PDB file of N, CA and C in Angstrom:
ATOM      1  N   UNK A   1      70.954  92.183  89.508  1.00  0.00           N
ATOM      2  CA  UNK A   1      70.578  91.287  90.573  1.00  0.00           C
ATOM      3  C   UNK A   1      70.855  89.715  90.195  1.00  0.00           C
ATOM      4  N   UNK A   2      71.240  89.010  91.220  1.00  0.00           N
ATOM      5  CA  UNK A   2      71.578  87.569  90.942  1.00  0.00           C
ATOM      6  C   UNK A   2      70.235  86.786  90.972  1.00  0.00           C
ATOM      7  N   UNK A   3      70.144  85.943  89.954  1.00  0.00           N
ATOM      8  CA  UNK A   3      68.921  85.134  89.921  1.00  0.00           C
ATOM      9  C   UNK A   3      69.358  83.603  90.258  1.00  0.00           C
ATOM     10  N   UNK A   4      68.621  83.132  91.153  1.00  0.00           N
ATOM     11  CA  UNK A   4      68.965  81.717  91.643  1.00  0.00           C
ATOM     12  C   UNK A   4      68.530  80.736  90.458  1.00  0.00           C
ATOM     13  N   UNK A   5      69.436  79.881  90.145  1.00  0.00           N
ATOM     14  CA  UNK A   5      69.077  78.853  88.996  1.00  0.00           C
ATOM     15  C   UNK A   5      67.828  78.035  89.282  1.00  0.00           C
ATOM     16  N   UNK A   6      66.975  77.962  88.416  1.00  0.00           N
ATOM     17  CA  UNK A   6      65.770  77.192  88.569  1.00  0.00           C
ATOM     18  C   UNK A   6      64.561  77.975  89.172  1.00  0.00           C
ATOM     19  N   UNK A   7      64.687  79.181  89.576  1.00  0.00           N
ATOM     20  CA  UNK A   7      63.654  79.991  90.158  1.00  0.00           C
ATOM     21  C   UNK A   7      62.683  80.234  88.984  1.00  0.00           C
ATOM     22  N   UNK A   8      61.394  80.311  89.353  1.00  0.00           N
ATOM     23  CA  UNK A   8      60.336  80.590  88.382  1.00  0.00           C
ATOM     24  C   UNK A   8      59.865  79.376  87.608  1.00  0.00           C
ATOM     25  N   UNK A   9      60.493  78.224  87.918  1.00  0.00           N
ATOM     26  CA  UNK A   9      60.056  76.951  87.108  1.00  0.00           C
ATOM     27  C   UNK A   9      59.584  76.013  88.270  1.00  0.00           C
ATOM     28  N   UNK A  10      58.382  75.668  88.178  1.00  0.00           N
ATOM     29  CA  UNK A  10      57.749  74.719  89.152  1.00  0.00           C
ATOM     30  C   UNK A  10      58.333  73.309  88.971  1.00  0.00           C
ATOM     31  N   UNK A  11      58.476  72.551  89.983  1.00  0.00           N
ATOM     32  CA  UNK A  11      58.885  71.146  89.887  1.00  0.00           C
ATOM     33  C   UNK A  11      57.869  70.390  89.190  1.00  0.00           C
ATOM     34  N   UNK A  12      58.237  69.479  88.327  1.00  0.00           N
ATOM     35  CA  UNK A  12      57.383  68.608  87.535  1.00  0.00           C
ATOM     36  C   UNK A  12      56.728  69.298  86.453  1.00  0.00           C
ATOM     37  N   UNK A  13      57.317  70.328  85.848  1.00  0.00           N
ATOM     38  CA  UNK A  13      56.652  70.979  84.731  1.00  0.00           C
ATOM     39  C   UNK A  13      57.175  70.510  83.326  1.00  0.00           C
ATOM     40  N   UNK A  14      57.999  69.325  83.356  1.00  0.00           N
ATOM     41  CA  UNK A  14      58.410  68.765  82.191  1.00  0.00           C
ATOM     42  C   UNK A  14      59.537  69.479  81.553  1.00  0.00           C
ATOM     43  N   UNK A  15      59.496  69.694  80.305  1.00  0.00           N
ATOM     44  CA  UNK A  15      60.602  70.246  79.476  1.00  0.00           C
ATOM     45  C   UNK A  15      61.092  71.553  80.139  1.00  0.00           C
ATOM     46  N   UNK A  16      60.204  72.343  80.647  1.00  0.00           N
ATOM     47  CA  UNK A  16      60.528  73.703  81.114  1.00  0.00           C
ATOM     48  C   UNK A  16      61.588  73.491  82.333  1.00  0.00           C
ATOM     49  N   UNK A  17      61.338  72.469  83.160  1.00  0.00           N
ATOM     50  CA  UNK A  17      62.212  72.273  84.317  1.00  0.00           C
ATOM     51  C   UNK A  17      63.555  71.740  83.857  1.00  0.00           C
ATOM     52  N   UNK A  18      63.527  70.941  82.800  1.00  0.00           N
ATOM     53  CA  UNK A  18      64.798  70.346  82.226  1.00  0.00           C
ATOM     54  C   UNK A  18      65.654  71.485  81.667  1.00  0.00           C
ATOM     55  N   UNK A  19      64.953  72.470  80.941  1.00  0.00           N
ATOM     56  CA  UNK A  19      65.611  73.570  80.334  1.00  0.00           C
ATOM     57  C   UNK A  19      66.202  74.528  81.311  1.00  0.00           C
ATOM     58  N   UNK A  20      65.704  74.470  82.503  1.00  0.00           N
ATOM     59  CA  UNK A  20      66.109  75.460  83.606  1.00  0.00           C
ATOM     60  C   UNK A  20      67.499  75.046  84.150  1.00  0.00           C
ATOM     61  N   UNK A  21      67.882  73.761  83.868  1.00  0.00           N
ATOM     62  CA  UNK A  21      69.196  73.272  84.307  1.00  0.00           C
ATOM     63  C   UNK A  21      70.237  73.737  83.303  1.00  0.00           C
ATOM     64  N   UNK A  22      69.899  74.116  82.243  1.00  0.00           N
ATOM     65  CA  UNK A  22      70.960  74.567  81.163  1.00  0.00           C
ATOM     66  C   UNK A  22      71.246  73.532  80.207  1.00  0.00           C
ATOM     67  N   UNK A  23      70.749  72.293  80.381  1.00  0.00           N
ATOM     68  CA  UNK A  23      71.111  71.179  79.484  1.00  0.00           C
ATOM     69  C   UNK A  23      69.921  70.998  78.548  1.00  0.00           C
ATOM     70  N   UNK A  24      70.255  70.506  77.303  1.00  0.00           N
ATOM     71  CA  UNK A  24      69.173  70.244  76.343  1.00  0.00           C
ATOM     72  C   UNK A  24      68.541  69.041  76.667  1.00  0.00           C
ATOM     73  N   UNK A  25      67.337  68.837  76.145  1.00  0.00           N
ATOM     74  CA  UNK A  25      66.519  67.632  76.399  1.00  0.00           C
ATOM     75  C   UNK A  25      67.314  66.408  75.691  1.00  0.00           C
ATOM     76  N   UNK A  26      67.952  66.559  74.670  1.00  0.00           N
ATOM     77  CA  UNK A  26      68.677  65.400  73.979  1.00  0.00           C
ATOM     78  C   UNK A  26      69.695  64.864  75.042  1.00  0.00           C
ATOM     79  N   UNK A  27      70.393  65.765  75.749  1.00  0.00           N
ATOM     80  CA  UNK A  27      71.379  65.303  76.632  1.00  0.00           C
ATOM     81  C   UNK A  27      70.783  64.480  77.765  1.00  0.00           C
ATOM     82  N   UNK A  28      69.623  64.904  78.245  1.00  0.00           N
ATOM     83  CA  UNK A  28      68.946  64.052  79.234  1.00  0.00           C
ATOM     84  C   UNK A  28      68.459  62.792  78.767  1.00  0.00           C
ATOM     85  N   UNK A  29      67.930  62.749  77.564  1.00  0.00           N
ATOM     86  CA  UNK A  29      67.508  61.481  76.984  1.00  0.00           C
ATOM     87  C   UNK A  29      68.642  60.487  76.789  1.00  0.00           C
ATOM     88  N   UNK A  30      69.821  61.019  76.316  1.00  0.00           N
ATOM     89  CA  UNK A  30      70.978  60.199  76.098  1.00  0.00           C
ATOM     90  C   UNK A  30      71.474  59.644  77.514  1.00  0.00           C
ATOM     91  N   UNK A  31      71.505  60.497  78.541  1.00  0.00           N
ATOM     92  CA  UNK A  31      71.970  60.199  79.882  1.00  0.00           C
ATOM     93  C   UNK A  31      71.028  59.028  80.314  1.00  0.00           C
ATOM     94  N   UNK A  32      69.756  59.126  80.126  1.00  0.00           N
ATOM     95  CA  UNK A  32      68.851  58.125  80.652  1.00  0.00           C
ATOM     96  C   UNK A  32      68.913  56.775  79.992  1.00  0.00           C
ATOM     97  N   UNK A  33      69.151  56.764  78.653  1.00  0.00           N
ATOM     98  CA  UNK A  33      69.388  55.600  77.847  1.00  0.00           C
ATOM     99  C   UNK A  33      70.704  54.926  78.428  1.00  0.00           C
ATOM    100  N   UNK A  34      71.774  55.683  78.520  1.00  0.00           N
ATOM    101  CA  UNK A  34      73.054  55.109  79.057  1.00  0.00           C
ATOM    102  C   UNK A  34      72.993  54.544  80.386  1.00  0.00           C
ATOM    103  N   UNK A  35      72.218  55.108  81.280  1.00  0.00           N
ATOM    104  CA  UNK A  35      72.048  54.669  82.677  1.00  0.00           C
ATOM    105  C   UNK A  35      71.157  53.386  82.608  1.00  0.00           C
ATOM    106  N   UNK A  36      70.069  53.405  81.783  1.00  0.00           N
ATOM    107  CA  UNK A  36      69.285  52.238  81.730  1.00  0.00           C
ATOM    108  C   UNK A  36      70.122  51.090  81.171  1.00  0.00           C
ATOM    109  N   UNK A  37      70.847  51.193  80.119  1.00  0.00           N
ATOM    110  CA  UNK A  37      71.679  50.139  79.631  1.00  0.00           C
ATOM    111  C   UNK A  37      72.665  49.607  80.589  1.00  0.00           C
ATOM    112  N   UNK A  38      73.380  50.543  81.330  1.00  0.00           N
ATOM    113  CA  UNK A  38      74.185  50.091  82.338  1.00  0.00           C
ATOM    114  C   UNK A  38      73.510  49.242  83.399  1.00  0.00           C
ATOM    115  N   UNK A  39      72.435  49.671  83.781  1.00  0.00           N
ATOM    116  CA  UNK A  39      71.669  48.933  84.844  1.00  0.00           C
ATOM    117  C   UNK A  39      71.210  47.540  84.385  1.00  0.00           C
ATOM    118  N   UNK A  40      70.838  47.579  83.124  1.00  0.00           N
ATOM    119  CA  UNK A  40      70.398  46.164  82.515  1.00  0.00           C
ATOM    120  C   UNK A  40      71.618  45.262  82.513  1.00  0.00           C
ATOM    121  N   UNK A  41      72.743  45.765  82.026  1.00  0.00           N
ATOM    122  CA  UNK A  41      73.949  45.032  81.947  1.00  0.00           C
ATOM    123  C   UNK A  41      74.413  44.465  83.284  1.00  0.00           C
ATOM    124  N   UNK A  42      74.447  45.331  84.266  1.00  0.00           N
ATOM    125  CA  UNK A  42      74.865  44.965  85.632  1.00  0.00           C
ATOM    126  C   UNK A  42      73.878  43.924  86.146  1.00  0.00           C
ATOM    127  N   UNK A  43      72.609  44.095  86.081  1.00  0.00           N
ATOM    128  CA  UNK A  43      71.583  43.096  86.514  1.00  0.00           C
ATOM    129  C   UNK A  43      71.769  41.759  85.818  1.00  0.00           C
ATOM    130  N   UNK A  44      71.996  41.740  84.594  1.00  0.00           N
ATOM    131  CA  UNK A  44      72.218  40.552  83.885  1.00  0.00           C
ATOM    132  C   UNK A  44      73.447  39.852  84.312  1.00  0.00           C
ATOM    133  N   UNK A  45      74.585  40.604  84.558  1.00  0.00           N
ATOM    134  CA  UNK A  45      75.811  40.039  84.974  1.00  0.00           C
ATOM    135  C   UNK A  45      75.623  39.379  86.341  1.00  0.00           C
ATOM    136  N   UNK A  46      75.042  40.090  87.228  1.00  0.00           N
ATOM    137  CA  UNK A  46      74.833  39.623  88.588  1.00  0.00           C
ATOM    138  C   UNK A  46      74.005  38.388  88.674  1.00  0.00           C
ATOM    139  N   UNK A  47      73.005  38.331  87.864  1.00  0.00           N
ATOM    140  CA  UNK A  47      72.038  37.106  87.759  1.00  0.00           C
ATOM    141  C   UNK A  47      72.925  35.879  87.188  1.00  0.00           C
ATOM    142  N   UNK A  48      73.637  36.212  86.088  1.00  0.00           N
ATOM    143  CA  UNK A  48      74.372  35.097  85.620  1.00  0.00           C
ATOM    144  C   UNK A  48      75.354  34.551  86.601  1.00  0.00           C
ATOM    145  N   UNK A  49      76.024  35.406  87.353  1.00  0.00           N
ATOM    146  CA  UNK A  49      77.032  35.058  88.356  1.00  0.00           C
ATOM    147  C   UNK A  49      76.355  34.176  89.420  1.00  0.00           C
ATOM    148  N   UNK A  50      75.233  34.593  89.873  1.00  0.00           N
ATOM    149  CA  UNK A  50      74.385  33.833  90.851  1.00  0.00           C
ATOM    150  C   UNK A  50      74.039  32.403  90.383  1.00  0.00           C
ATOM    151  N   UNK A  51      73.706  32.262  89.177  1.00  0.00           N
ATOM    152  CA  UNK A  51      73.226  30.995  88.576  1.00  0.00           C
ATOM    153  C   UNK A  51      74.310  30.001  88.186  1.00  0.00           C
ATOM    154  N   UNK A  52      75.481  30.547  88.151  1.00  0.00           N
ATOM    155  CA  UNK A  52      76.656  29.736  87.815  1.00  0.00           C
ATOM    156  C   UNK A  52      76.966  28.730  89.014  1.00  0.00           C
ATOM    157  N   UNK A  53      77.043  27.481  88.899  1.00  0.00           N
ATOM    158  CA  UNK A  53      77.470  26.629  90.000  1.00  0.00           C
ATOM    159  C   UNK A  53      78.830  26.886  90.350  1.00  0.00           C
ATOM    160  N   UNK A  54      79.106  26.736  91.715  1.00  0.00           N
ATOM    161  CA  UNK A  54      80.406  26.843  92.210  1.00  0.00           C
ATOM    162  C   UNK A  54      81.235  25.677  91.788  1.00  0.00           C
ATOM    163  N   UNK A  55      82.503  26.012  91.362  1.00  0.00           N
ATOM    164  CA  UNK A  55      83.396  24.923  90.809  1.00  0.00           C
ATOM    165  C   UNK A  55      84.369  24.568  91.844  1.00  0.00           C
TER     166      UNK A  55
END
């Protein structure tokens, strides 16, 4: 019988719900850090661009 991915795991159960996706916790931590750094970089670049006087 076909089992729907993620069944039997309640939302918000932490590591159990992450494991239900098939990806390791390390992958999720790396992805979160990369996205966080990208957001910080883009925010910094946008602020710097706004503060630069028009020439």
